[in-house]
Structure formats: C-alpha cells, structure tokens
Amino acid sequence: MKIKLIIIILITLSINAVSAQRRYAHFINIFCVNVPDSISKKLEDAYEDGGFNAGKNVYNLINRNDYKFDNGIFSFQGRGVHCVRRVFIYNKKKLYIFNSIGAFNPIGFMKEYVDCITILKLSNRQAISYLKAVAEYLHEEYGNTYGVDFKLNGK
C-alpha cells in the first residue's frame, strides 16, 4: 500500500513538472514577435557561431507589447549569455540587419542607421520614430561587454 502511494505521488509530481515546463516555455515565447521562418533563418545566420534561436527571440523596439511582425525596428538576440543584442529593420518586405553592435560601436551603428534610411526608403515619420528607438537601444547597450568569445558573420 505504501509503495502504491509513493508511486502515485511521484507520478503526480512528474505530471506537474512537465506541465510547468510547458507553461514556462509558452510564457517565454508569448512575449516575442512571431517572425516568418525565412526572416528567422537570416537572423540566426547573422551570428557566426550559430544563432542560438535568435530568430525566435525578437522584440519590437517601438512597442514591446506589439507581437505582430510588420514594418518596424526590432531587436534580436541569441539565447546565450554571450550573445549580443542585435537590431534589424523590416520595411516593405525588405530586411536590413545592422552589422554594428550598439554596445561596441555606437557611432558606427548611427552611421549605419543613416545608410539604412536610404536603403529601405524609410519615410520621414518612420525615420524619426525609429531614431527614438535607436537612441534608447544605444543607451541600454552602452557599457555592455557580453564577453569577447562571440563573432559575427563578416566581422
């Protein structure tokens, strides 16, 4: 009788643990922007050593509560302690992934942003709105080191 009771308790605990893991995984992904697989692959390819699921860890920089993928400016980051936070802009089915990292090269990032405005043909309204998000991103990233082991494609 005691053995049956112990088995029932263990089964109950196991079921609760699995259920909690599923809820937690859903909790993490529910707050990310749902990007198409083709874009997700490009984001992961932006990391030389693999994206570590970076294409599924995407946030809207204008509105963190907006989880729909549309024209906008977004951050993405691999799920590892040394994965740097990166930025991309999506406009009219065109994607621009910044090569410069705000934490390491804020001036290069700003220069790249100016080039991106022309390349993606952003409107004045978009450029100004995104500029505020760029400033906040650079302010948040300033001084971060992320470790020195990580390399970017082409860098």
Protein backbone atom coordinates (compact mmCIF):
# COMPACT_ATOMS: atom_id res chain seq x y z
CA MET A 1 0.00 0.00 0.00
CA LYS A 2 2.81 2.41 0.87
CA ILE A 3 4.57 1.66 -2.42
CA LYS A 4 1.41 2.44 -4.41
CA LEU A 5 1.01 5.72 -2.55
CA ILE A 6 4.63 6.67 -3.27
CA ILE A 7 4.20 5.79 -6.94
CA ILE A 8 1.04 7.90 -7.18
CA ILE A 9 2.82 10.85 -5.55
CA LEU A 10 5.80 10.52 -7.92
CA ILE A 11 3.54 10.35 -10.98
CA THR A 12 1.62 13.40 -9.80
CA LEU A 13 4.84 15.35 -9.23
CA SER A 14 6.15 14.33 -12.66
CA ILE A 15 2.97 15.44 -14.40
CA ASN A 16 3.07 18.78 -12.60
CA ALA A 17 6.73 19.30 -13.52
CA VAL A 18 6.08 18.61 -17.22
CA SER A 19 3.07 20.91 -17.15
CA ALA A 20 5.10 23.68 -15.53
CA GLN A 21 7.83 23.34 -18.18
CA ARG A 22 5.26 23.67 -20.95
CA ARG A 23 3.70 26.73 -19.32
CA TYR A 24 7.12 28.31 -18.84
CA ALA A 25 8.18 27.69 -22.46
CA HIS A 26 4.92 29.21 -23.66
CA PHE A 27 5.44 32.17 -21.29
CA ILE A 28 8.87 32.91 -22.79
CA ASN A 29 7.75 32.77 -26.43
CA ILE A 30 4.45 34.57 -25.93
CA PHE A 31 6.27 37.86 -25.43
CA CYS A 32 8.36 37.59 -28.61
CA VAL A 33 7.45 38.81 -32.08
CA ASN A 34 6.42 35.95 -34.32
CA VAL A 35 8.67 36.39 -37.37
CA PRO A 36 8.37 34.30 -40.55
CA ASP A 37 10.76 31.35 -40.81
CA SER A 38 12.62 32.95 -43.76
CA ILE A 39 13.43 36.04 -41.67
CA SER A 40 14.19 33.94 -38.60
CA LYS A 41 16.81 31.98 -40.56
CA LYS A 42 18.51 35.20 -41.71
CA LEU A 43 18.64 36.48 -38.14
CA GLU A 44 20.25 33.27 -36.92
CA ASP A 45 22.73 33.37 -39.82
CA ALA A 46 23.83 36.83 -38.63
CA TYR A 47 25.74 35.06 -35.83
CA GLU A 48 28.92 33.31 -37.00
CA ASP A 49 28.76 30.53 -34.41
CA GLY A 50 25.05 29.86 -34.85
CA GLY A 51 22.07 31.93 -33.87
CA PHE A 52 21.15 30.04 -30.72
CA ASN A 53 17.48 30.52 -31.59
CA ALA A 54 17.94 34.25 -32.19
CA GLY A 55 15.22 34.28 -34.83
CA LYS A 56 12.67 33.31 -32.19
CA ASN A 57 13.87 35.86 -29.63
CA VAL A 58 12.70 39.05 -31.37
CA TYR A 59 11.25 42.18 -29.78
CA ASN A 60 9.65 45.30 -31.21
CA LEU A 61 11.78 48.27 -30.16
CA ILE A 62 8.97 50.81 -30.58
CA ASN A 63 6.37 48.87 -28.58
CA ARG A 64 7.43 45.85 -26.52
CA ASN A 65 3.77 44.82 -26.27
CA ASP A 66 3.33 44.55 -30.06
CA TYR A 67 3.99 40.92 -31.04
CA LYS A 68 2.90 41.11 -34.68
CA PHE A 69 5.55 41.15 -37.38
CA ASP A 70 5.17 44.10 -39.71
CA ASN A 71 7.20 47.11 -40.81
CA GLY A 72 9.30 48.27 -37.86
CA ILE A 73 12.54 48.21 -35.92
CA PHE A 74 13.30 45.11 -33.85
CA SER A 75 15.98 43.68 -31.62
CA PHE A 76 17.00 40.04 -31.62
CA GLN A 77 19.38 38.05 -29.51
CA GLY A 78 20.61 34.50 -29.30
CA ARG A 79 19.70 32.67 -26.13
CA GLY A 80 23.11 32.58 -24.57
CA VAL A 81 24.94 34.76 -22.08
CA HIS A 82 27.49 35.94 -24.64
CA CYS A 83 25.04 36.59 -27.47
CA VAL A 84 25.00 40.28 -28.28
CA ARG A 85 21.70 42.04 -28.83
CA ARG A 86 21.35 42.99 -32.49
CA VAL A 87 18.91 45.20 -34.40
CA PHE A 88 17.13 44.92 -37.72
CA ILE A 89 14.61 47.00 -39.62
CA TYR A 90 11.92 45.50 -41.79
CA ASN A 91 10.18 47.77 -44.29
CA LYS A 92 8.02 46.86 -47.28
CA LYS A 93 9.34 43.28 -47.41
CA LYS A 94 12.96 44.45 -47.23
CA LEU A 95 15.21 43.45 -44.35
CA TYR A 96 18.23 45.33 -43.06
CA ILE A 97 20.29 43.68 -40.31
CA PHE A 98 22.75 46.04 -38.63
CA ASN A 99 26.34 44.84 -38.61
CA SER A 100 27.44 47.35 -35.98
CA ILE A 101 26.74 46.47 -32.37
CA GLY A 102 25.48 49.27 -30.16
CA ALA A 103 27.45 48.10 -27.13
CA PHE A 104 30.75 48.05 -29.03
CA ASN A 105 30.39 50.64 -31.77
CA PRO A 106 27.58 53.16 -31.17
CA ILE A 107 28.93 55.70 -33.68
CA GLY A 108 29.18 53.02 -36.37
CA PHE A 109 25.65 51.94 -35.52
CA MET A 110 24.36 55.50 -36.00
CA LYS A 111 26.18 55.82 -39.35
CA GLU A 112 24.67 52.54 -40.42
CA TYR A 113 21.22 53.77 -39.38
CA VAL A 114 21.58 56.80 -41.66
CA ASP A 115 22.51 54.49 -44.56
CA CYS A 116 19.58 52.21 -43.72
CA ILE A 117 17.11 55.12 -44.05
CA THR A 118 18.13 55.49 -47.70
CA ILE A 119 18.45 51.78 -48.48
CA LEU A 120 14.98 50.91 -47.14
CA LYS A 121 13.45 54.21 -48.28
CA LEU A 122 12.00 54.99 -44.88
CA SER A 123 9.51 57.83 -44.64
CA ASN A 124 10.32 60.90 -42.54
CA ARG A 125 7.83 59.69 -39.94
CA GLN A 126 9.43 56.23 -39.77
CA ALA A 127 12.97 57.63 -39.63
CA ILE A 128 12.12 59.90 -36.69
CA SER A 129 10.15 57.23 -34.85
CA TYR A 130 12.91 54.66 -35.32
CA LEU A 131 15.56 57.20 -34.28
CA LYS A 132 13.98 57.37 -30.82
CA ALA A 133 14.15 53.55 -30.59
CA VAL A 134 17.78 53.64 -31.77
CA ALA A 135 18.67 56.17 -29.06
CA GLU A 136 17.02 54.03 -26.37
CA TYR A 137 18.75 50.90 -27.69
CA LEU A 138 22.17 52.59 -27.65
CA HIS A 139 21.56 53.95 -24.15
CA GLU A 140 20.60 50.47 -22.88
CA GLU A 141 23.58 48.82 -24.56
CA TYR A 142 26.22 51.33 -23.53
CA GLY A 143 28.89 49.62 -21.44
CA ASN A 144 27.70 46.04 -22.03
CA THR A 145 30.56 43.65 -22.81
CA TYR A 146 28.78 40.31 -23.45
CA GLY A 147 32.16 38.55 -23.30
CA VAL A 148 34.66 38.52 -26.13
CA ASP A 149 34.17 34.99 -27.49
CA PHE A 150 31.37 35.77 -29.89
CA LYS A 151 31.97 36.58 -33.55
CA LEU A 152 29.63 38.00 -36.17
CA ASN A 153 29.49 36.88 -39.78
CA GLY A 154 31.71 39.08 -41.88
CA LYS A 155 33.39 40.69 -38.85
